[in-house]
Protein backbone atom coordinates (compact mmCIF):
# COMPACT_ATOMS: atom_id res chain seq x y z
CA UNK A 1 120.44 -50.62 1.00
CA UNK A 2 121.28 -48.21 3.83
CA UNK A 3 124.44 -50.06 4.71
CA UNK A 4 125.44 -50.20 1.02
CA UNK A 5 125.10 -46.43 0.71
CA UNK A 6 127.15 -45.90 3.83
CA UNK A 7 129.87 -48.17 2.49
CA UNK A 8 129.99 -46.39 -0.87
CA UNK A 9 130.05 -42.98 0.77
CA UNK A 10 132.84 -44.13 3.07
CA UNK A 11 134.89 -45.25 0.06
CA UNK A 12 134.28 -41.90 -1.66
CA UNK A 13 135.31 -40.01 1.47
CA UNK A 14 138.41 -42.13 1.85
CA UNK A 15 139.39 -41.40 -1.75
CA UNK A 16 138.91 -37.69 -1.15
CA UNK A 17 140.96 -37.87 2.04
CA UNK A 18 143.73 -39.65 0.12
CA UNK A 19 143.72 -36.82 -2.39
CA UNK A 20 143.99 -34.33 0.46
CA UNK A 21 146.95 -36.25 1.87
CA UNK A 22 148.75 -36.22 -1.48
CA UNK A 23 147.86 -32.54 -1.83
CA UNK A 24 149.71 -31.69 1.34
CA UNK A 25 152.85 -33.31 -0.08
CA UNK A 26 152.86 -30.76 -2.93
CA UNK A 27 152.68 -33.44 -5.68
CA UNK A 28 150.13 -33.13 -8.48
CA UNK A 29 148.85 -36.68 -8.86
CA UNK A 30 147.30 -38.13 -11.99
CA UNK A 31 143.59 -38.86 -12.02
CA UNK A 32 142.52 -42.51 -12.31
CA UNK A 33 141.12 -43.67 -15.64
CA UNK A 34 137.55 -42.61 -16.30
CA UNK A 35 134.93 -45.27 -17.05
CA UNK A 36 132.98 -43.60 -19.83
CA UNK A 37 129.51 -44.67 -20.95
CA UNK A 38 129.47 -47.63 -23.31
CA UNK A 39 128.67 -45.50 -26.36
CA UNK A 40 131.83 -43.51 -25.76
CA UNK A 41 134.04 -46.19 -24.26
CA UNK A 42 133.54 -48.30 -27.37
CA UNK A 43 135.44 -45.72 -29.39
CA UNK A 44 139.14 -46.49 -29.70
CA UNK A 45 141.18 -43.41 -28.84
CA UNK A 46 144.92 -43.40 -29.40
CA UNK A 47 146.96 -42.66 -26.28
CA UNK A 48 150.29 -40.85 -26.42
CA UNK A 49 152.74 -39.74 -23.76
CA UNK A 50 153.74 -36.13 -23.28
CA UNK A 51 157.11 -36.63 -24.98
CA UNK A 52 155.50 -38.43 -27.90
CA UNK A 53 153.02 -35.57 -28.26
CA UNK A 54 155.84 -33.02 -28.49
CA UNK A 55 157.74 -35.08 -31.06
CA UNK A 56 154.67 -35.62 -33.23
CA UNK A 57 153.71 -31.95 -33.09
CA UNK A 58 157.17 -30.98 -34.33
CA UNK A 59 157.21 -33.68 -37.01
CA UNK A 60 153.70 -33.64 -38.44
CA UNK A 61 152.22 -30.21 -37.88
CA UNK A 62 151.94 -28.25 -41.17
CA UNK A 63 153.68 -25.24 -39.64
CA UNK A 64 156.69 -27.38 -38.75
CA UNK A 65 156.83 -28.76 -42.29
CA UNK A 66 156.67 -25.24 -43.72
CA UNK A 67 159.49 -24.11 -41.39
CA UNK A 68 161.69 -26.97 -42.61
CA UNK A 69 160.94 -26.01 -46.20
CA UNK A 70 162.02 -22.45 -45.45
CA UNK A 71 165.37 -23.74 -44.20
CA UNK A 72 165.82 -25.72 -47.42
CA UNK A 73 164.92 -22.62 -49.41
CA UNK A 74 167.54 -20.57 -47.55
CA UNK A 75 170.17 -23.23 -48.28
CA UNK A 76 169.17 -23.17 -51.95
CA UNK A 77 169.65 -19.38 -52.05
CA UNK A 78 173.20 -19.84 -50.74
CA UNK A 79 173.89 -22.32 -53.48
CA UNK A 80 172.51 -19.90 -56.07
CA UNK A 81 174.68 -17.04 -54.80
CA UNK A 82 177.82 -19.19 -54.96
CA UNK A 83 177.36 -19.46 -58.71
CA UNK A 84 178.23 -15.76 -58.95
CA UNK A 85 181.92 -16.35 -58.16
CA UNK A 86 182.44 -19.92 -59.32
CA UNK A 87 183.62 -20.83 -62.85
CA UNK A 88 181.00 -21.40 -65.52
CA UNK A 89 181.19 -23.40 -68.76
CA UNK A 90 178.93 -22.92 -71.75
CA UNK A 91 178.93 -24.60 -75.18
CA UNK A 92 177.57 -22.87 -78.31
CA UNK A 93 176.89 -24.09 -81.82
CA UNK A 94 175.84 -22.10 -84.90
CA UNK A 95 174.88 -23.35 -88.38
CA UNK A 96 174.47 -20.75 -91.14
CA UNK A 97 173.44 -21.24 -94.80
CA UNK A 98 173.96 -18.47 -97.37
CA UNK A 99 172.52 -18.16 -100.84
CA UNK A 100 176.07 -18.60 -102.25
CA UNK A 101 179.67 -18.48 -101.16
CA UNK A 102 181.42 -15.19 -100.57
CA UNK A 103 184.96 -15.00 -101.90
CA UNK A 104 187.55 -12.48 -102.87
CA UNK A 105 189.32 -13.92 -105.85
CA UNK A 106 190.74 -17.19 -104.67
CA UNK A 107 190.28 -16.43 -101.00
CA UNK A 108 187.11 -17.71 -99.35
CA UNK A 109 185.47 -15.06 -97.19
CA UNK A 110 182.31 -16.93 -96.16
CA UNK A 111 181.19 -20.41 -97.11
CA UNK A 112 177.73 -21.24 -98.28
CA UNK A 113 177.28 -23.70 -95.36
CA UNK A 114 178.98 -22.56 -92.13
CA UNK A 115 179.34 -24.44 -88.83
CA UNK A 116 180.84 -22.80 -85.78
CA UNK A 117 181.32 -24.61 -82.47
CA UNK A 118 182.86 -23.07 -79.34
CA UNK A 119 183.02 -23.41 -75.57
CA UNK A 120 183.34 -20.51 -73.13
CA UNK A 121 184.89 -20.83 -69.68
CA UNK A 122 184.32 -17.81 -67.41
CA UNK A 123 186.24 -17.49 -64.14
CA UNK A 124 185.39 -14.57 -61.80
CA UNK A 125 188.69 -13.37 -60.36
CA UNK A 126 187.51 -10.35 -58.39
CA UNK A 127 183.87 -10.28 -57.18
CA UNK A 128 183.74 -8.94 -53.57
CA UNK A 129 180.04 -8.06 -53.65
CA UNK A 130 179.14 -11.63 -54.57
CA UNK A 131 181.47 -13.08 -51.96
CA UNK A 132 179.93 -11.07 -49.15
CA UNK A 133 176.40 -11.67 -50.41
CA UNK A 134 177.00 -15.40 -50.02
CA UNK A 135 178.32 -14.86 -46.52
CA UNK A 136 175.17 -12.96 -45.55
CA UNK A 137 172.98 -15.66 -47.05
CA UNK A 138 174.85 -18.27 -45.02
CA UNK A 139 173.94 -16.32 -41.91
CA UNK A 140 170.37 -16.24 -43.19
CA UNK A 141 170.36 -20.04 -43.23
CA UNK A 142 171.24 -20.04 -39.52
CA UNK A 143 168.51 -17.47 -38.93
CA UNK A 144 166.04 -19.71 -40.76
CA UNK A 145 167.04 -22.66 -38.62
CA UNK A 146 166.59 -20.59 -35.48
CA UNK A 147 163.23 -19.48 -36.85
CA UNK A 148 162.31 -23.12 -37.40
CA UNK A 149 163.27 -23.82 -33.79
CA UNK A 150 160.96 -21.00 -32.72
CA UNK A 151 158.13 -22.54 -34.76
CA UNK A 152 158.82 -25.86 -33.04
CA UNK A 153 158.74 -24.10 -29.67
CA UNK A 154 155.34 -22.57 -30.41
CA UNK A 155 154.01 -25.90 -31.70
CA UNK A 156 155.32 -27.69 -28.62
CA UNK A 157 153.64 -25.05 -26.44
CA UNK A 158 150.31 -25.52 -28.23
CA UNK A 159 150.62 -29.30 -28.02
CA UNK A 160 151.61 -29.10 -24.36
CA UNK A 161 148.66 -26.92 -23.51
CA UNK A 162 146.31 -29.25 -25.38
CA UNK A 163 147.83 -32.25 -23.61
CA UNK A 164 147.33 -30.65 -20.19
CA UNK A 165 143.80 -29.64 -21.16
CA UNK A 166 142.98 -33.28 -21.82
CA UNK A 167 144.27 -34.20 -18.35
CA UNK A 168 142.21 -31.43 -16.75
CA UNK A 169 139.07 -32.37 -18.71
CA UNK A 170 139.48 -36.02 -17.77
CA UNK A 171 139.83 -35.00 -14.12
CA UNK A 172 136.58 -33.02 -14.31
CA UNK A 173 134.84 -36.03 -15.85
CA UNK A 174 136.08 -38.19 -12.99
CA UNK A 175 134.76 -35.71 -10.42
CA UNK A 176 131.40 -35.33 -12.15
CA UNK A 177 131.03 -39.08 -12.48
CA UNK A 178 131.73 -39.71 -8.80
CA UNK A 179 129.31 -36.95 -7.82
CA UNK A 180 126.67 -38.50 -10.08
CA UNK A 181 127.17 -41.94 -8.55
CA UNK A 182 126.95 -40.60 -4.99
CA UNK A 183 123.84 -38.56 -5.85
CA UNK A 184 122.20 -41.63 -7.39
CA UNK A 185 122.94 -43.61 -4.24
CA UNK A 186 121.22 -40.91 -2.21
CA UNK A 187 118.21 -41.19 -4.52
CA UNK A 188 118.08 -44.91 -3.82
CA UNK A 189 118.47 -44.26 -0.11
CA UNK A 190 115.66 -41.68 -0.17
CA UNK A 191 113.46 -44.14 -2.11
CA UNK A 192 114.13 -46.79 0.49
CA UNK A 193 113.21 -44.48 3.35
CA UNK A 194 110.09 -43.35 1.54
CA UNK A 195 109.04 -46.95 0.91
CA UNK A 196 109.26 -47.96 4.57
CA UNK A 197 107.60 -44.71 5.70
CA UNK A 198 110.72 -43.31 7.38
CA UNK A 199 111.28 -40.53 4.81
CA UNK A 200 109.28 -37.95 2.95
CA UNK A 201 108.65 -36.81 -0.59
CA UNK A 202 110.73 -33.64 -0.14
CA UNK A 203 113.88 -35.63 0.60
CA UNK A 204 113.27 -37.73 -2.52
CA UNK A 205 112.72 -34.67 -4.71
CA UNK A 206 115.89 -32.99 -3.46
CA UNK A 207 117.92 -36.14 -4.01
CA UNK A 208 116.51 -36.53 -7.52
CA UNK A 209 117.23 -32.90 -8.34
CA UNK A 210 120.85 -33.25 -7.25
CA UNK A 211 121.25 -36.48 -9.23
CA UNK A 212 119.87 -34.84 -12.37
CA UNK A 213 122.11 -31.79 -11.92
CA UNK A 214 125.20 -33.96 -11.55
CA UNK A 215 124.21 -36.06 -14.55
CA UNK A 216 124.02 -32.90 -16.65
CA UNK A 217 127.41 -31.74 -15.38
CA UNK A 218 128.83 -35.13 -16.31
CA UNK A 219 127.56 -34.79 -19.87
CA UNK A 220 129.10 -31.31 -20.13
CA UNK A 221 132.39 -32.64 -18.76
CA UNK A 222 132.36 -35.47 -21.31
CA UNK A 223 131.77 -32.93 -24.08
CA UNK A 224 134.72 -30.85 -22.87
CA UNK A 225 136.88 -33.98 -22.76
CA UNK A 226 136.01 -34.90 -26.35
CA UNK A 227 136.80 -31.38 -27.51
CA UNK A 228 140.12 -31.42 -25.67
CA UNK A 229 141.03 -34.73 -27.30
CA UNK A 230 140.13 -33.40 -30.73
CA UNK A 231 142.20 -30.27 -30.13
CA UNK A 232 145.17 -32.42 -29.13
CA UNK A 233 144.75 -34.48 -32.29
CA UNK A 234 144.80 -31.34 -34.43
CA UNK A 235 147.94 -30.08 -32.65
CA UNK A 236 149.69 -33.36 -33.40
CA UNK A 237 148.64 -33.40 -37.04
CA UNK A 238 146.34 -36.38 -36.57
CA UNK A 239 142.94 -36.89 -38.15
CA UNK A 240 141.45 -38.34 -34.96
CA UNK A 241 141.11 -37.50 -31.25
CA UNK A 242 144.07 -38.38 -29.04
CA UNK A 243 144.15 -39.20 -25.33
CA UNK A 244 146.88 -38.15 -22.88
CA UNK A 245 148.61 -41.26 -21.55
CA UNK A 246 150.64 -39.75 -18.72
CA UNK A 247 151.09 -36.63 -16.63
CA UNK A 248 154.31 -34.69 -17.37
CA UNK A 249 156.77 -33.50 -14.77
CA UNK A 250 157.30 -29.80 -15.48
CA UNK A 251 160.32 -28.45 -13.65
CA UNK A 252 163.77 -27.03 -14.33
CA UNK A 253 163.55 -23.26 -13.77
CA UNK A 254 164.35 -22.11 -10.25
CA UNK A 255 166.37 -18.88 -10.48
CA UNK A 256 164.74 -15.93 -12.23
CA UNK A 257 168.02 -14.00 -12.58
CA UNK A 258 169.77 -16.94 -14.26
CA UNK A 259 166.82 -17.41 -16.60
CA UNK A 260 166.92 -13.73 -17.59
CA UNK A 261 170.68 -13.79 -18.20
CA UNK A 262 170.43 -16.84 -20.48
CA UNK A 263 167.58 -15.59 -22.66
CA UNK A 264 169.91 -14.58 -25.52
CA UNK A 265 170.96 -18.19 -26.05
CA UNK A 266 168.00 -20.15 -24.69
CA UNK A 267 165.18 -18.47 -26.62
CA UNK A 268 164.98 -19.45 -30.29
CA UNK A 269 163.17 -16.26 -31.29
CA UNK A 270 165.94 -14.10 -29.78
CA UNK A 271 168.63 -16.17 -31.47
CA UNK A 272 166.88 -15.81 -34.81
CA UNK A 273 166.48 -12.05 -34.41
CA UNK A 274 170.13 -11.70 -33.34
CA UNK A 275 171.19 -13.35 -36.60
CA UNK A 276 168.83 -11.15 -38.61
CA UNK A 277 170.30 -8.08 -36.96
CA UNK A 278 173.81 -9.31 -37.76
CA UNK A 279 172.84 -9.78 -41.42
CA UNK A 280 171.34 -6.28 -41.59
CA UNK A 281 174.42 -4.69 -39.99
CA UNK A 282 176.71 -6.60 -42.34
CA UNK A 283 174.78 -5.35 -45.35
CA UNK A 284 175.38 -1.76 -44.18
CA UNK A 285 179.09 -2.22 -43.47
CA UNK A 286 179.66 -4.06 -46.76
CA UNK A 287 178.34 -1.19 -48.88
CA UNK A 288 181.86 -0.58 -50.27
CA UNK A 289 181.46 -3.68 -52.43
CA UNK A 290 178.92 -1.78 -54.56
CA UNK A 291 181.79 0.45 -55.73
CA UNK A 292 184.41 -2.30 -56.11
CA UNK A 293 185.47 -3.36 -59.65
CA UNK A 294 184.69 -6.77 -61.12
CA UNK A 295 187.30 -8.82 -62.97
CA UNK A 296 186.44 -11.89 -65.05
CA UNK A 297 188.67 -14.17 -67.13
CA UNK A 298 187.28 -16.01 -70.15
CA UNK A 299 188.74 -18.74 -72.34
CA UNK A 300 187.08 -19.76 -75.62
CA UNK A 301 188.29 -22.58 -77.90
CA UNK A 302 186.44 -22.90 -81.21
CA UNK A 303 185.97 -24.98 -84.33
CA UNK A 304 184.90 -23.31 -87.59
CA UNK A 305 184.20 -24.84 -90.98
CA UNK A 306 184.93 -23.90 -93.61
CA UNK A 307 187.89 -21.78 -92.53
CA UNK A 308 188.04 -18.28 -93.95
CA UNK A 309 190.60 -15.62 -94.42
CA UNK A 310 189.76 -14.13 -91.04
CA UNK A 311 188.80 -17.23 -89.06
CA UNK A 312 190.87 -20.46 -89.04
CA UNK A 313 189.34 -23.87 -88.66
CA UNK A 314 190.39 -24.22 -84.99
CA UNK A 315 191.75 -21.85 -82.41
CA UNK A 316 191.12 -20.18 -79.07
CA UNK A 317 191.02 -16.82 -77.43
CA UNK A 318 191.40 -15.58 -73.82
CA UNK A 319 190.22 -12.33 -72.27
CA UNK A 320 190.39 -10.39 -69.03
CA UNK A 321 187.30 -8.22 -68.58
CA UNK A 322 187.47 -5.46 -65.97
CA UNK A 323 184.24 -3.67 -65.04
CA UNK A 324 184.35 -0.50 -62.93
CA UNK A 325 180.94 0.91 -61.90
CA UNK A 326 181.09 4.67 -62.31
CA UNK A 327 177.56 6.01 -62.30
CA UNK A 328 174.29 4.13 -61.82
CA UNK A 329 171.76 6.95 -61.45
CA UNK A 330 171.86 6.87 -57.63
CA UNK A 331 170.89 3.21 -57.26
CA UNK A 332 173.65 2.38 -54.80
CA UNK A 333 172.87 5.38 -52.58
CA UNK A 334 169.21 4.35 -52.38
CA UNK A 335 170.16 0.78 -51.59
CA UNK A 336 172.41 1.91 -48.75
CA UNK A 337 169.63 3.99 -47.22
CA UNK A 338 167.33 0.99 -47.39
CA UNK A 339 169.93 -1.20 -45.68
CA UNK A 340 170.38 1.30 -42.86
CA UNK A 341 166.63 1.45 -42.32
CA UNK A 342 166.42 -2.36 -42.23
CA UNK A 343 169.30 -2.50 -39.75
CA UNK A 344 167.54 0.01 -37.49
CA UNK A 345 164.33 -2.01 -37.70
CA UNK A 346 166.21 -5.19 -36.79
CA UNK A 347 167.75 -3.55 -33.72
CA UNK A 348 164.41 -2.14 -32.57
CA UNK A 349 162.73 -5.52 -33.12
CA UNK A 350 165.36 -7.28 -31.06
CA UNK A 351 165.04 -4.77 -28.23
CA UNK A 352 161.28 -5.25 -28.22
CA UNK A 353 161.56 -9.03 -28.24
CA UNK A 354 164.08 -8.98 -25.41
CA UNK A 355 161.89 -6.76 -23.24
CA UNK A 356 158.89 -8.96 -23.97
CA UNK A 357 160.84 -12.13 -23.17
CA UNK A 358 162.06 -10.74 -19.84
CA UNK A 359 158.54 -9.65 -18.98
CA UNK A 360 157.22 -13.12 -19.79
CA UNK A 361 159.81 -14.76 -17.53
CA UNK A 362 159.11 -12.45 -14.59
CA UNK A 363 155.34 -12.79 -15.00
CA UNK A 364 155.61 -16.57 -15.33
CA UNK A 365 157.63 -16.83 -12.09
CA UNK A 366 154.97 -14.83 -10.25
CA UNK A 367 152.19 -16.86 -11.86
CA UNK A 368 153.79 -20.12 -10.72
CA UNK A 369 154.17 -18.80 -7.17
CA UNK A 370 150.55 -17.67 -6.96
CA UNK A 371 149.29 -20.83 -8.68
CA UNK A 372 151.08 -22.98 -6.10
CA UNK A 373 149.56 -20.96 -3.26
CA UNK A 374 146.12 -21.21 -4.84
CA UNK A 375 146.54 -24.96 -5.26
CA UNK A 376 147.45 -25.33 -1.58
CA UNK A 377 144.34 -23.42 -0.53
CA UNK A 378 142.17 -25.36 -2.97
CA UNK A 379 143.43 -28.67 -1.58
CA UNK A 380 142.80 -27.55 1.98
CA UNK A 381 139.31 -26.39 1.02
CA UNK A 382 138.62 -29.70 -0.70
CA UNK A 383 139.76 -31.70 2.33
CA UNK A 384 137.49 -29.66 4.59
CA UNK A 385 134.56 -29.91 2.17
CA UNK A 386 134.90 -33.68 1.98
CA UNK A 387 135.05 -33.89 5.76
CA UNK A 388 132.00 -31.64 6.01
CA UNK A 389 130.12 -33.86 3.58
CA UNK A 390 130.98 -36.93 5.63
CA UNK A 391 129.77 -35.32 8.86
CA UNK A 392 126.58 -33.99 7.29
CA UNK A 393 125.85 -37.37 5.72
CA UNK A 394 126.24 -39.08 9.05
CA UNK A 395 124.02 -36.49 10.70
CA UNK A 396 121.36 -36.86 8.02
CA UNK A 397 121.25 -40.63 8.37
CA UNK A 398 120.67 -40.46 12.13
CA UNK A 399 118.05 -37.74 11.71
CA UNK A 400 119.91 -34.76 13.17
CA UNK A 401 120.17 -32.90 9.81
CA UNK A 402 117.83 -32.41 6.87
CA UNK A 403 118.16 -33.36 3.22
CA UNK A 404 118.74 -29.69 2.43
CA UNK A 405 121.86 -29.73 4.60
CA UNK A 406 122.98 -32.90 2.83
CA UNK A 407 122.37 -31.44 -0.65
CA UNK A 408 124.30 -28.25 0.19
CA UNK A 409 127.20 -30.24 1.62
CA UNK A 410 127.27 -32.50 -1.41
CA UNK A 411 127.37 -29.54 -3.79
CA UNK A 412 130.10 -27.83 -1.82
CA UNK A 413 132.16 -31.03 -1.81
CA UNK A 414 131.71 -31.41 -5.57
CA UNK A 415 132.54 -27.77 -6.25
CA UNK A 416 135.57 -27.86 -3.96
CA UNK A 417 136.97 -30.91 -5.72
CA UNK A 418 136.32 -29.32 -9.14
CA UNK A 419 138.04 -26.13 -7.95
CA UNK A 420 141.02 -28.19 -6.80
CA UNK A 421 141.22 -29.87 -10.20
CA UNK A 422 141.12 -26.46 -11.86
CA UNK A 423 143.88 -25.23 -9.55
CA UNK A 424 145.97 -28.30 -10.43
CA UNK A 425 145.55 -27.56 -14.12
CA UNK A 426 146.46 -23.91 -13.58
CA UNK A 427 149.61 -24.95 -11.73
CA UNK A 428 150.62 -27.23 -14.58
CA UNK A 429 149.85 -24.62 -17.23
CA UNK A 430 151.82 -21.88 -15.45
CA UNK A 431 154.84 -24.16 -15.10
CA UNK A 432 154.66 -24.93 -18.80
CA UNK A 433 154.48 -21.21 -19.59
CA UNK A 434 157.50 -20.56 -17.38
CA UNK A 435 159.55 -23.20 -19.18
CA UNK A 436 158.55 -21.75 -22.53
CA UNK A 437 159.28 -18.16 -21.46
CA UNK A 438 162.73 -19.16 -20.19
CA UNK A 439 163.54 -21.07 -23.38
CA UNK A 440 163.74 -24.42 -21.58
CA UNK A 441 160.90 -26.04 -23.48
CA UNK A 442 160.81 -28.19 -25.45
């Protein structure tokens, strides 16, 4: 039993040393699969890659579907506005029955049964306000598409964070499970020593306490993992928990100045607000169309039976209708003031968004730098803690150290590895936030 414990502890120490070696290379490695208890392992959990998670979040999330519907609505408004300056055709029919015919001598004035059929073609010849309104609505379609891109960006961010949270939770489960296994092996070792009279009850109690503590931490880690999987499933629009199948490589932003200079085109929210500001400014500059005349041409062929002295059986008429707005009670002046206020709001909103975006980029760069430094220190601390645990374990087995020293070393090793896993997750999360802030994600 003693040699078995030593062999298992040596394997655990070697695994920790391997993690320390990979830590010094600066690469965030993926945790090995976690062997969950049978009651949990029996559950089938769908696994998706990081790219698949992003695609599903943008395709299935209700917010993404609503954003696409808003784009379709904006396109429909353009089509509606085009009807204001395109030709229209209407057909009319009227049947009238009088109590008796109306005549003037031998000339029929109105028949007892009258049928009148006609068609009216209306062609707007001069309609500048409607032309420019359609142009502004076309810009609104582009703004809606940029807004939909911003919704996709936010959904991808939420899905990315959930995906990384699953990786971090799975890593904590792995750490807690290894700690539980090692603690249980120490319980068995203490039992063996107590049986042969080489140990004492205090060593056994301390070993059992540590094993129970680690078992409780494992259960808490498993709970956090299940919650992270459920959160990822909700982000992807799935009615079930989802497991992360890979670890993403998050890179692509190196120069803070270049990222700041490209924000106008890289960030979907800034592009959308730029288009909204353009629409608002256009509405102000196009105010002259409110005073412009409207000219429509109409053509109306007809059929009338019976024909009368004033209306033949068939015929047609054409008209040019000119409308000049002279006085509307001040409506146009009020509308112009409203447009100017909306344009000012759009400019102020854009300035605020731009300042916020630049702040996010600068803060994200600093966060990545500090997260990398923290990860380096956490990896160094973990390597030292694992080495300490190995030395203390060896000293305890030859009788130079007590079980209290062993328990403290085991806890420090477990906490150091958990802190390293947390630092790894923080490094991944900050890189994701930097990509999002710079408009490079998804």
